[in-house]
Protein backbone atom coordinates (compact mmCIF):
# COMPACT_ATOMS: atom_id res chain seq x y z
CA MET A 1 115.40 142.94 -41.12
CA ALA A 2 114.62 146.53 -40.12
CA GLY A 3 111.33 146.95 -38.32
CA CYS A 4 110.92 143.33 -37.16
CA GLY A 5 109.56 143.66 -33.66
CA ASP A 6 107.67 146.36 -31.81
CA ASP A 7 108.81 149.93 -32.41
CA GLY A 8 108.88 150.61 -28.67
CA ALA A 9 105.30 151.71 -28.58
CA ASN A 10 102.19 150.23 -27.09
CA PRO A 11 101.52 146.69 -25.90
CA ASN A 12 98.32 145.01 -27.00
CA PRO A 13 95.29 146.97 -25.77
CA ALA A 14 94.00 145.23 -22.68
CA GLY A 15 90.33 145.00 -21.90
CA THR A 16 89.08 145.00 -25.49
CA SER A 17 85.86 143.21 -24.67
CA SER A 18 82.64 145.19 -24.76
CA SER A 19 81.72 144.38 -21.17
CA SER A 20 81.05 147.47 -19.10
CA GLY A 21 82.84 148.48 -15.98
CA SER A 22 82.75 151.21 -13.41
CA GLY A 23 83.22 154.58 -15.03
CA GLY A 24 81.73 157.95 -15.91
CA SER A 25 78.04 158.50 -16.39
CA GLY A 26 76.32 157.82 -19.69
CA ALA A 27 77.63 154.34 -20.51
CA THR A 28 75.27 151.38 -20.63
CA GLY A 29 75.35 147.94 -19.05
CA PRO A 30 75.90 146.62 -15.52
CA GLU A 31 78.80 148.04 -13.61
CA ALA A 32 81.68 145.80 -12.57
CA PRO A 33 83.99 146.72 -9.69
CA ILE A 34 87.34 148.26 -10.46
CA GLN A 35 90.58 148.33 -8.52
CA PRO A 36 92.35 151.67 -8.96
CA ALA A 37 96.08 151.71 -9.65
CA ALA A 38 98.62 152.40 -6.93
CA GLY A 39 99.29 155.98 -5.94
CA GLY A 40 102.71 157.58 -6.12
CA ILE A 41 104.60 160.51 -7.59
CA ARG A 42 105.74 161.37 -11.09
CA ARG A 43 107.95 164.07 -12.49
CA LEU A 44 106.51 166.85 -14.60
CA LEU A 45 106.83 166.39 -18.32
CA ARG A 46 108.75 169.12 -20.12
CA THR A 47 105.51 170.51 -21.56
CA GLN A 48 103.92 170.48 -18.10
CA TYR A 49 106.91 172.27 -16.61
CA LEU A 50 106.70 175.00 -19.23
CA GLY A 51 102.91 175.18 -19.02
CA SER A 52 103.13 175.62 -15.25
CA LEU A 53 105.61 178.45 -15.62
CA ARG A 54 103.20 180.11 -18.04
CA VAL A 55 100.43 179.93 -15.44
CA LEU A 56 102.70 181.25 -12.69
CA PHE A 57 104.67 183.96 -14.48
CA GLY A 58 103.82 184.21 -18.17
CA GLU A 59 105.78 183.94 -21.39
CA VAL A 60 108.91 185.65 -20.06
CA ALA A 61 109.46 182.68 -17.75
CA VAL A 62 108.75 180.14 -20.49
CA GLU A 63 111.30 181.75 -22.81
CA ALA A 64 113.97 181.72 -20.09
CA ALA A 65 113.35 178.11 -19.01
CA ASP A 66 115.56 175.21 -20.04
CA PRO A 67 114.17 172.02 -18.46
CA PRO A 68 115.56 168.56 -19.26
CA ALA A 69 114.13 166.44 -22.06
CA ASP A 70 111.62 163.69 -21.34
CA LEU A 71 112.67 160.05 -21.32
CA PRO A 72 109.95 157.79 -22.76
CA LEU A 73 109.29 154.32 -21.38
CA LYS A 74 106.91 151.70 -22.79
CA GLY A 75 106.05 154.14 -25.55
CA PHE A 76 105.10 157.13 -23.37
CA ASP A 77 106.88 160.12 -21.86
CA ALA A 78 104.38 160.05 -18.99
CA ILE A 79 105.36 156.50 -18.02
CA GLY A 80 109.04 157.43 -18.14
CA ALA A 81 108.30 160.38 -15.84
CA ALA A 82 106.66 158.01 -13.35
CA GLU A 83 109.20 155.18 -13.45
CA ILE A 84 112.65 156.41 -14.49
CA THR A 85 114.92 157.57 -11.68
CA THR A 86 115.91 161.24 -11.84
CA ALA A 87 119.60 161.55 -12.68
CA SER A 88 121.95 164.02 -10.98
CA SER A 89 122.45 165.80 -14.32
CA THR A 90 118.68 166.30 -14.51
CA VAL A 91 118.66 167.87 -11.06
CA GLU A 92 121.42 170.24 -12.14
CA ARG A 93 119.44 171.16 -15.25
CA TYR A 94 116.41 172.01 -13.12
CA GLU A 95 118.55 174.18 -10.84
CA HIS A 96 120.05 176.08 -13.77
CA SER A 97 116.62 176.53 -15.34
CA ALA A 98 115.11 177.80 -12.08
CA ARG A 99 117.79 180.44 -11.71
CA GLU A 100 117.35 181.63 -15.29
CA VAL A 101 113.58 181.81 -14.87
CA ALA A 102 113.83 183.67 -11.57
CA ALA A 103 116.19 186.25 -13.03
CA ALA A 104 113.95 186.82 -16.04
CA VAL A 105 110.78 187.15 -13.95
CA VAL A 106 112.30 189.66 -11.56
CA ALA A 107 114.02 191.69 -14.30
CA ASP A 108 110.90 192.24 -16.42
CA PRO A 109 108.74 195.00 -14.87
CA ALA A 110 105.40 193.80 -16.25
CA THR A 111 106.01 190.17 -15.32
CA ARG A 112 107.27 191.16 -11.88
CA ALA A 113 104.21 193.29 -11.16
CA LYS A 114 101.85 190.51 -12.19
CA ALA A 115 103.71 187.66 -10.47
CA PHE A 116 104.22 189.15 -7.01
CA PRO A 117 101.25 190.23 -4.86
CA CYS A 118 103.39 192.90 -3.21
CA GLU A 119 106.76 194.65 -3.63
CA PRO A 120 109.18 194.26 -0.68
CA THR A 121 110.40 197.50 0.86
CA THR A 122 113.72 195.96 1.91
CA PRO A 123 115.68 192.79 1.06
CA SER A 124 114.46 191.28 4.34
CA ASP A 125 110.81 192.40 4.23
CA ALA A 126 109.36 189.31 5.95
CA THR A 127 105.72 190.38 5.59
CA CYS A 128 105.77 190.81 1.81
CA LEU A 129 108.03 187.82 1.21
CA SER A 130 105.69 185.62 3.26
CA ILE A 131 102.67 186.77 1.28
CA ALA A 132 104.50 186.11 -1.99
CA ALA A 133 105.69 182.68 -0.88
CA GLY A 134 102.20 181.65 0.16
CA THR A 135 100.44 183.05 -2.91
CA ILE A 136 102.85 181.81 -5.58
CA GLY A 137 103.60 178.63 -3.67
CA ARG A 138 99.97 177.53 -3.51
CA VAL A 139 99.75 177.44 -7.32
CA ALA A 140 103.29 176.13 -7.83
CA TRP A 141 102.97 173.34 -5.25
CA ARG A 142 99.24 172.75 -5.87
CA ARG A 143 98.37 173.09 -2.19
CA THR A 144 98.47 175.50 0.72
CA LEU A 145 101.96 175.82 2.18
CA THR A 146 102.52 175.24 5.88
CA GLY A 147 103.85 177.97 8.10
CA ALA A 148 107.17 176.14 8.43
CA GLU A 149 107.53 175.88 4.64
CA ILE A 150 106.85 179.59 4.19
CA ALA A 151 109.34 180.42 6.94
CA ARG A 152 112.09 178.39 5.22
CA LEU A 153 111.43 180.03 1.86
CA VAL A 154 111.42 183.50 3.40
CA GLY A 155 114.58 182.77 5.36
CA ALA A 156 116.43 181.72 2.22
CA ALA A 157 115.19 184.80 0.37
CA GLN A 158 116.32 187.08 3.20
CA VAL A 159 119.78 185.52 3.25
CA ALA A 160 120.17 186.08 -0.49
CA GLY A 161 118.75 189.59 -0.30
CA ASN A 162 121.02 190.64 2.55
CA GLU A 163 124.08 188.94 1.03
CA TYR A 164 123.73 190.86 -2.22
CA GLY A 165 122.05 193.89 -0.72
CA THR A 166 119.13 193.98 -3.19
CA ILE A 167 115.44 193.24 -3.20
CA ASP A 168 115.90 191.59 -6.60
CA ALA A 169 118.18 188.96 -5.08
CA ALA A 170 115.58 188.14 -2.43
CA LEU A 171 112.81 187.72 -4.99
CA GLU A 172 115.00 185.66 -7.31
CA SER A 173 115.89 183.34 -4.45
CA LEU A 174 112.21 182.93 -3.59
CA VAL A 175 111.17 182.06 -7.15
CA SER A 176 114.14 179.78 -7.71
CA ALA A 177 113.48 177.86 -4.49
CA LEU A 178 109.80 177.41 -5.31
CA ILE A 179 110.31 175.98 -8.81
CA GLN A 180 113.27 173.71 -8.14
CA SER A 181 111.54 172.16 -5.15
CA PRO A 182 110.29 168.55 -5.46
CA ASN A 183 106.91 169.98 -4.47
CA PHE A 184 106.83 171.72 -7.86
CA LEU A 185 108.70 169.19 -9.98
CA TYR A 186 106.76 166.10 -8.87
CA ILE A 187 103.02 165.46 -9.10
CA VAL A 188 101.90 163.85 -5.84
CA GLU A 189 99.00 161.37 -6.09
CA LEU A 190 98.76 159.57 -2.74
CA GLY A 191 95.04 159.96 -2.06
CA SER A 192 93.07 160.95 1.02
CA GLU A 193 91.81 158.94 3.95
CA THR A 194 88.39 158.68 2.29
CA ILE A 195 87.79 155.17 0.93
CA ASP A 196 85.33 154.32 -1.85
CA GLU A 197 83.46 151.27 -0.54
CA ALA A 198 82.73 150.01 -4.05
CA THR A 199 86.35 149.93 -5.17
CA GLY A 200 88.41 150.04 -1.99
CA GLY A 201 90.27 152.95 -3.55
CA ARG A 202 91.40 156.11 -1.82
CA LEU A 203 89.84 159.25 -3.27
CA LEU A 204 92.40 161.76 -4.46
CA THR A 205 92.45 164.90 -2.34
CA PRO A 206 90.77 167.93 -3.94
CA GLY A 207 94.16 169.41 -4.80
CA GLU A 208 95.47 166.12 -6.19
CA LEU A 209 92.41 165.66 -8.39
CA ALA A 210 92.56 169.25 -9.61
CA SER A 211 96.22 168.71 -10.45
CA ARG A 212 95.65 165.41 -12.27
CA ILE A 213 92.88 167.00 -14.35
CA SER A 214 94.84 170.17 -15.09
CA PHE A 215 98.07 168.44 -16.07
CA PHE A 216 96.11 166.08 -18.33
CA LEU A 217 93.85 168.60 -20.04
CA ASN A 218 95.99 171.76 -20.00
CA ASN A 219 99.55 170.50 -19.43
CA ALA A 220 99.90 172.93 -16.54
CA THR A 221 99.57 173.35 -12.81
CA PRO A 222 96.01 174.15 -11.72
CA THR A 223 95.21 177.84 -11.43
CA ALA A 224 94.30 179.42 -8.11
CA ALA A 225 90.68 179.51 -9.32
CA LEU A 226 90.67 175.75 -9.99
CA LEU A 227 92.22 175.04 -6.60
CA ASP A 228 89.53 177.21 -5.01
CA ALA A 229 86.84 175.28 -6.88
CA ALA A 230 88.33 171.98 -5.74
CA ASP A 231 88.48 173.13 -2.13
CA ALA A 232 84.86 174.23 -2.40
CA GLY A 233 83.80 170.71 -3.39
CA HIS A 234 83.13 171.35 -7.07
CA LEU A 235 85.05 168.21 -8.10
CA GLU A 236 83.07 165.80 -5.94
CA THR A 237 80.44 164.85 -8.56
CA ASP A 238 80.46 163.76 -12.19
CA GLU A 239 78.53 166.89 -13.08
CA GLY A 240 80.98 169.17 -11.29
CA ILE A 241 83.97 167.51 -12.91
CA ALA A 242 82.34 167.73 -16.34
CA ALA A 243 81.68 171.45 -15.90
CA VAL A 244 85.30 172.12 -14.91
CA ALA A 245 86.69 169.90 -17.67
CA GLU A 246 84.55 171.52 -20.37
CA GLN A 247 85.69 174.95 -19.22
CA MET A 248 89.32 173.84 -19.41
CA LEU A 249 88.80 172.37 -22.87
CA GLY A 250 87.73 175.82 -24.01
CA LEU A 251 91.19 177.22 -23.26
CA SER A 252 94.01 177.47 -25.80
CA GLU A 253 96.13 175.42 -23.39
CA ALA A 254 93.92 172.39 -24.10
CA ARG A 255 94.75 172.60 -27.80
CA TRP A 256 98.46 172.92 -27.07
CA ALA A 257 98.27 169.94 -24.71
CA LEU A 258 96.54 167.73 -27.28
CA ASP A 259 98.99 168.88 -29.96
CA ALA A 260 101.85 167.72 -27.72
CA PHE A 261 100.14 164.39 -27.04
CA TYR A 262 99.52 163.55 -30.69
CA ALA A 263 102.95 164.81 -31.70
CA GLU A 264 104.26 162.20 -29.25
CA VAL A 265 101.97 159.22 -29.84
CA PHE A 266 101.89 159.61 -33.63
CA ARG A 267 105.62 160.47 -33.64
CA LEU A 268 105.07 163.79 -35.44
CA ARG A 269 107.72 165.51 -33.31
CA GLU A 270 110.31 163.15 -34.80
CA ILE A 271 109.74 164.76 -38.20
CA ASP A 272 111.85 167.68 -36.93
CA VAL A 273 114.99 165.55 -36.72
CA MET A 274 114.71 163.16 -39.66
CA ASN A 275 117.32 163.18 -42.42
CA LYS A 276 116.85 162.66 -46.14
CA SER A 277 119.26 162.30 -49.03
CA ALA A 278 119.46 165.61 -50.89
CA LEU A 279 120.59 163.70 -53.97
CA VAL A 280 117.56 161.41 -53.99
CA TYR A 281 115.03 163.98 -52.73
CA PRO A 282 115.98 167.50 -53.92
CA LEU A 283 112.53 168.81 -52.90
CA TYR A 284 113.22 168.08 -49.25
CA THR A 285 114.03 171.24 -47.24
CA PRO A 286 113.77 172.38 -43.60
CA GLN A 287 110.76 174.47 -44.60
CA LEU A 288 109.04 171.44 -46.07
CA GLN A 289 109.85 169.52 -42.90
CA ASP A 290 108.02 172.12 -40.80
CA SER A 291 105.05 172.01 -43.16
CA MET A 292 104.90 168.22 -42.94
CA ARG A 293 104.49 168.23 -39.18
CA GLU A 294 101.98 171.05 -39.24
CA GLU A 295 99.78 169.38 -41.87
CA SER A 296 99.02 166.45 -39.58
CA LEU A 297 98.39 168.66 -36.56
CA GLN A 298 96.05 170.81 -38.66
CA LEU A 299 93.96 167.77 -39.56
CA ILE A 300 93.77 166.58 -35.94
CA ARG A 301 92.80 170.08 -34.74
CA ASP A 302 90.10 170.29 -37.37
CA ILE A 303 88.57 166.95 -36.39
CA VAL A 304 88.86 167.38 -32.61
CA TRP A 305 88.28 171.10 -32.12
CA ASN A 306 86.76 172.74 -35.19
CA GLN A 307 84.27 169.98 -36.00
CA ASP A 308 84.25 168.05 -32.70
CA THR A 309 83.45 164.97 -34.73
CA ASP A 310 84.36 161.29 -35.11
CA ALA A 311 88.07 160.99 -34.31
CA ARG A 312 88.42 158.02 -36.65
CA GLY A 313 88.43 160.58 -39.42
CA MET A 314 92.13 160.91 -38.65
CA PHE A 315 92.55 157.62 -40.46
CA ASP A 316 90.42 158.16 -43.58
CA ALA A 317 89.78 161.89 -44.09
CA ASP A 318 89.56 162.70 -47.81
CA TYR A 319 90.91 166.21 -47.28
CA THR A 320 93.99 167.78 -45.76
CA PHE A 321 95.67 171.14 -45.12
CA ILE A 322 98.51 172.35 -47.32
CA ASP A 323 100.75 175.36 -47.82
CA ALA A 324 102.90 176.32 -50.80
CA ASP A 325 105.70 173.89 -49.93
CA LEU A 326 103.36 170.90 -49.60
CA ALA A 327 101.51 171.92 -52.76
CA THR A 328 104.74 171.50 -54.72
CA LEU A 329 105.34 168.07 -53.20
CA TYR A 330 101.78 166.94 -53.85
CA GLY A 331 101.78 168.34 -57.38
CA VAL A 332 98.83 170.68 -56.94
CA PRO A 333 98.47 174.48 -57.34
CA ALA A 334 99.78 176.47 -54.39
CA PRO A 335 97.16 178.21 -52.24
CA SER A 336 96.94 181.96 -52.48
CA GLY A 337 98.50 183.77 -49.56
CA ALA A 338 100.55 182.40 -46.69
CA GLY A 339 99.63 179.64 -44.28
CA PHE A 340 97.57 176.48 -44.62
CA VAL A 341 94.31 175.95 -46.45
CA LYS A 342 91.91 173.03 -46.41
CA THR A 343 91.97 171.14 -49.69
CA THR A 344 91.18 167.83 -51.36
CA LEU A 345 94.12 166.25 -53.15
CA PRO A 346 93.87 164.49 -56.53
CA ALA A 347 91.72 161.37 -56.33
CA ALA A 348 94.29 159.36 -58.25
CA GLN A 349 96.75 159.67 -55.35
CA GLN A 350 94.26 157.95 -52.98
CA ARG A 351 95.58 159.85 -49.95
CA ARG A 352 93.46 159.28 -46.86
CA GLY A 353 94.01 160.60 -43.36
CA LEU A 354 97.34 160.68 -41.57
CA LEU A 355 98.77 157.82 -43.62
CA GLY A 356 98.44 159.97 -46.73
CA HIS A 357 100.44 162.80 -45.19
CA ALA A 358 103.96 163.39 -46.44
CA GLY A 359 105.33 163.86 -42.92
CA LEU A 360 104.45 160.42 -41.60
CA LEU A 361 105.29 158.76 -44.90
CA ALA A 362 108.72 160.42 -44.83
CA LEU A 363 109.31 159.62 -41.17
CA LEU A 364 108.41 155.98 -41.71
CA SER A 365 110.95 155.61 -44.50
CA HIS A 366 114.69 155.29 -44.94
CA THR A 367 117.04 158.14 -45.80
CA ASP A 368 116.89 157.31 -49.50
CA SER A 369 113.88 155.03 -49.95
CA SER A 370 110.44 154.13 -48.66
CA SER A 371 109.90 151.38 -46.08
CA ALA A 372 106.83 149.16 -46.15
CA THR A 373 108.02 147.53 -42.93
CA ARG A 374 108.28 150.74 -40.91
CA ARG A 375 104.94 151.96 -42.17
CA GLY A 376 103.25 148.68 -41.36
CA ALA A 377 104.79 148.56 -37.90
CA PHE A 378 103.51 152.08 -37.20
CA VAL A 379 99.95 151.13 -38.11
CA GLN A 380 100.01 148.03 -35.95
CA SER A 381 101.64 149.60 -32.89
CA ARG A 382 100.41 153.20 -32.93
CA LEU A 383 97.02 153.05 -34.65
CA LEU A 384 95.82 149.59 -33.61
CA CYS A 385 97.82 149.09 -30.38
CA SER A 386 98.68 145.59 -31.62
CA PRO A 387 102.17 144.31 -30.84
CA VAL A 388 104.38 142.98 -33.59
CA PRO A 389 105.96 139.63 -32.63
CA PRO A 390 109.61 140.01 -31.62
CA PRO A 391 112.22 138.64 -34.00
CA PRO A 392 113.35 135.07 -33.22
CA PRO A 393 116.97 134.41 -32.19
CA ASP A 394 117.83 132.91 -35.57
CA VAL A 395 116.53 135.86 -37.61
CA VAL A 396 118.41 136.69 -40.84
CA PRO A 397 118.45 140.53 -41.04
CA THR A 398 119.34 140.78 -44.75
CA PHE A 399 117.57 140.40 -48.06
CA PRO A 400 118.36 137.38 -50.24
CA PRO A 401 121.25 137.97 -52.69
CA ASP A 402 120.41 140.27 -55.60
CA ASP A 403 120.04 138.26 -58.82
CA GLY A 404 120.31 141.35 -61.04
CA VAL A 405 116.64 141.32 -62.08
CA PRO A 406 114.86 144.64 -61.31
CA LYS A 407 112.37 144.29 -58.47
CA THR A 408 110.07 146.65 -56.65
CA ALA A 409 110.40 146.94 -52.88
CA LYS A 410 107.25 144.83 -52.58
CA MET A 411 108.78 142.04 -54.64
CA LYS A 412 111.90 142.00 -52.46
CA LEU A 413 109.89 141.95 -49.25
CA GLU A 414 107.57 139.21 -50.48
CA LYS A 415 110.63 137.09 -51.14
CA HIS A 416 112.00 138.05 -47.73
CA MET A 417 108.71 136.98 -46.12
CA GLU A 418 109.29 133.46 -47.39
CA VAL A 419 112.15 133.12 -44.89
CA ALA A 420 110.65 131.32 -41.90
CA SER A 421 112.51 133.37 -39.29
CA CYS A 422 111.15 136.61 -40.78
CA ALA A 423 107.62 135.65 -41.72
CA SER A 424 106.12 135.79 -38.22
CA CYS A 425 106.50 139.54 -37.87
CA HIS A 426 106.81 140.76 -41.45
CA GLN A 427 103.52 139.18 -42.51
CA VAL A 428 101.64 141.52 -40.15
CA MET A 429 103.63 144.63 -41.11
CA ASP A 430 104.81 144.60 -44.70
CA PRO A 431 101.47 144.10 -46.50
CA ILE A 432 100.15 147.23 -44.78
CA GLY A 433 103.14 149.13 -46.11
CA PHE A 434 102.53 147.71 -49.60
CA ALA A 435 99.36 149.82 -49.76
CA LEU A 436 101.51 152.93 -49.26
CA GLU A 437 104.21 152.14 -51.84
CA HIS A 438 102.83 154.73 -54.25
CA TYR A 439 104.43 157.29 -51.87
CA ASP A 440 108.20 157.58 -51.92
CA GLY A 441 110.60 158.29 -49.08
CA ILE A 442 109.34 161.87 -48.63
CA GLY A 443 105.69 161.10 -49.38
CA ALA A 444 105.60 162.22 -53.03
CA TYR A 445 103.30 160.24 -55.29
CA ARG A 446 104.83 157.89 -57.87
CA GLU A 447 103.48 155.32 -60.30
CA LYS A 448 106.58 153.13 -60.54
CA ASP A 449 109.35 151.75 -58.36
CA LYS A 450 112.61 150.79 -60.07
CA GLY A 451 110.83 151.32 -63.38
CA LEU A 452 108.15 148.75 -62.55
CA VAL A 453 104.46 149.40 -61.93
CA ILE A 454 103.60 149.46 -58.22
CA ASP A 455 101.04 146.97 -56.90
CA PRO A 456 99.51 148.48 -53.70
CA SER A 457 97.26 145.53 -52.86
CA GLY A 458 97.68 143.37 -49.82
CA SER A 459 96.06 141.31 -47.10
CA ILE A 460 96.52 141.24 -43.32
CA PRO A 461 95.10 138.64 -40.93
CA ASN A 462 92.49 140.19 -38.62
CA LEU A 463 92.41 143.38 -40.71
CA GLY A 464 91.36 142.35 -44.22
CA ASP A 465 92.15 142.66 -47.91
CA PHE A 466 92.79 145.95 -49.68
CA ALA A 467 93.53 147.09 -53.20
CA GLY A 468 95.32 150.28 -52.18
CA PRO A 469 95.66 153.07 -49.61
CA ALA A 470 92.03 154.22 -49.72
CA GLU A 471 90.73 150.75 -48.87
CA LEU A 472 93.40 150.32 -46.20
CA ALA A 473 92.26 153.58 -44.60
CA ASP A 474 88.66 152.32 -44.53
CA LEU A 475 89.76 149.08 -42.86
CA ILE A 476 91.72 150.91 -40.17
CA ARG A 477 88.88 153.31 -39.43
CA ASN A 478 86.34 150.51 -39.10
CA ASP A 479 88.55 148.12 -37.16
CA GLU A 480 87.43 147.99 -33.51
CA ARG A 481 91.05 148.25 -32.41
CA SER A 482 91.59 151.74 -33.81
CA ALA A 483 88.93 153.25 -31.53
CA LEU A 484 90.13 151.20 -28.56
CA CYS A 485 93.67 152.38 -29.25
CA LEU A 486 92.59 156.03 -29.20
CA VAL A 487 91.16 155.42 -25.72
CA ARG A 488 94.17 153.43 -24.47
CA ASN A 489 96.71 155.98 -25.60
CA LEU A 490 94.95 158.90 -23.91
CA TYR A 491 94.36 156.90 -20.73
CA ARG A 492 97.99 155.79 -20.45
CA HIS A 493 99.17 159.33 -21.03
CA SER A 494 96.79 160.71 -18.40
CA MET A 495 97.79 158.19 -15.73
CA GLY A 496 101.50 157.65 -16.37
CA HIS A 497 101.20 153.87 -16.50
CA LEU A 498 99.90 151.03 -18.63
CA GLU A 499 96.45 149.96 -17.56
CA THR A 500 96.37 147.40 -14.78
CA LYS A 501 94.04 144.41 -14.62
CA GLY A 502 91.96 146.17 -11.99
CA GLU A 503 91.39 149.14 -14.30
CA LEU A 504 90.04 147.08 -17.19
CA PRO A 505 86.35 147.39 -16.24
CA ALA A 506 86.69 151.18 -16.18
CA LEU A 507 88.45 151.12 -19.55
CA ALA A 508 85.75 148.90 -21.04
CA ARG A 509 83.17 151.43 -19.91
CA LEU A 510 85.19 154.23 -21.47
CA ASP A 511 85.27 152.25 -24.71
CA ASP A 512 81.47 151.93 -24.67
CA ALA A 513 80.98 155.60 -23.85
CA PHE A 514 83.40 156.66 -26.59
CA GLU A 515 81.28 154.81 -29.15
CA GLU A 516 78.03 156.15 -27.74
CA ASP A 517 79.40 159.68 -27.90
CA GLY A 518 80.23 159.34 -31.60
CA PHE A 519 83.96 158.74 -31.05
CA ARG A 520 84.51 162.41 -30.13
CA ILE A 521 87.82 163.14 -28.43
CA GLN A 522 86.59 166.15 -26.44
CA GLN A 523 83.87 164.05 -24.83
CA LEU A 524 86.34 161.22 -24.25
CA LEU A 525 88.61 163.59 -22.33
CA VAL A 526 85.69 164.50 -20.07
CA ARG A 527 84.77 160.83 -19.60
CA ILE A 528 88.33 159.95 -18.60
CA VAL A 529 88.53 162.57 -15.85
CA GLN A 530 85.11 161.48 -14.56
CA SER A 531 86.16 157.83 -14.29
CA PRO A 532 86.68 156.39 -10.79
CA ALA A 533 89.94 154.91 -12.09
CA PHE A 534 91.15 158.46 -12.74
CA ARG A 535 89.84 159.86 -9.44
CA GLN A 536 91.17 157.18 -7.09
CA VAL A 537 94.37 155.38 -6.12
CA THR A 538 95.31 152.50 -3.88
CA GLU A 539 98.25 152.31 -1.49
CA PRO A 540 101.42 153.84 -3.03
CA LYS A 541 103.98 151.55 -4.63
């Protein structure tokens, strides 16, 4: 019974009531006290590692880097980075990557000139090496280095430089030591000695807050300018934080960061590794695979960045972006020229939002057929943050015996749902997928399944009745849970943990503010970094 049970994604969204809590400015209602989550440390995500190298050294370093892959936990890479122990093989991977990056930075004249504030005159030039360690280290480690730390870094660089007799060796040692240090690889969020009387939470230090904001919004270590602003007190008020956040959202890094987030939470990155039967789907090619992923990201970018409008349009947009490969799949004329163009697909196909995109439809299918169960589970877990009941111990994971009479997938699943051990979870997944049965295992439109006319109607408790994909899209958009889920997913990603009971008042206030702001993601990002729950911690775990 494939798909019975949660797909490893999000638990039920906590704090779904409309009661307000302590949070950023602009929300209505009385404020309730919050209890911030515990402080601690978490390892950089792969995207944050690469983004930090870009800030420090540029594209040459990014191209040379080879950091380990992320390990998701509870549906999020960020939670895995906070809770999964670092393996020895991961440490070795970081060491190898650091050496490759250091060699590339030092070998490229333009990168070298930009990265180092001075050029040593000898392999043991303590003055220049100290300046370089302090300057690069402040951005890499997100704080000012102590004299003892600089002395150790310089000492190691001098040993390497003298051993090999070159200035290059000294500089490579310095860079390698800086970026394989735990001070670079782990985000420290322990808080200051300043206590918020209203919450009992410890305010993050200026550097810690700048880091939490920068890694969330730009997937990178804070720049020297942001650290300067934090040290100057510019992150002490809601207004100051909003000004910094809005400036960061204007950078290309913010778009890359949100791309990476939605590629993770909506599983778009998995499109790159899915397999399809060439016999069943001759149209499926690696080029089409790339186009599938890009189509969904194009829609999200348009809604969030180009229009800065209601994010729920992701679920029911009546337009999309296609290139020549997707045009063939969708059965429409190819756009002139290369790249993607905004278009409206034939009304008869009833494609709406992400669930009408070939990429997700293909991902949420089998190698040689569609899957109503997988598609329904995705909607429940990823779009509504509603858990699917786990399968009972006596579950029967097979369809009833085939009686030789042709049946559509819907007919088979409806029969399957009559089995008591399967009904509990399939009844909240499969009917959603029924609405999408007009799309085959690679998302192409079809009128029939096994020679029989497809019936895309269905009904889901707590969601409603629908006659097909367009009505399903309307139900998802207008369901309170879809907006709450957008908030929950971003919050969990930003914090590296599932929301705690003490954070629920702050999340409720974020929910209210999100609605008041017209469900705009850019404004939600600002609201999150303004929230006391984001800016404070309690005693470390």
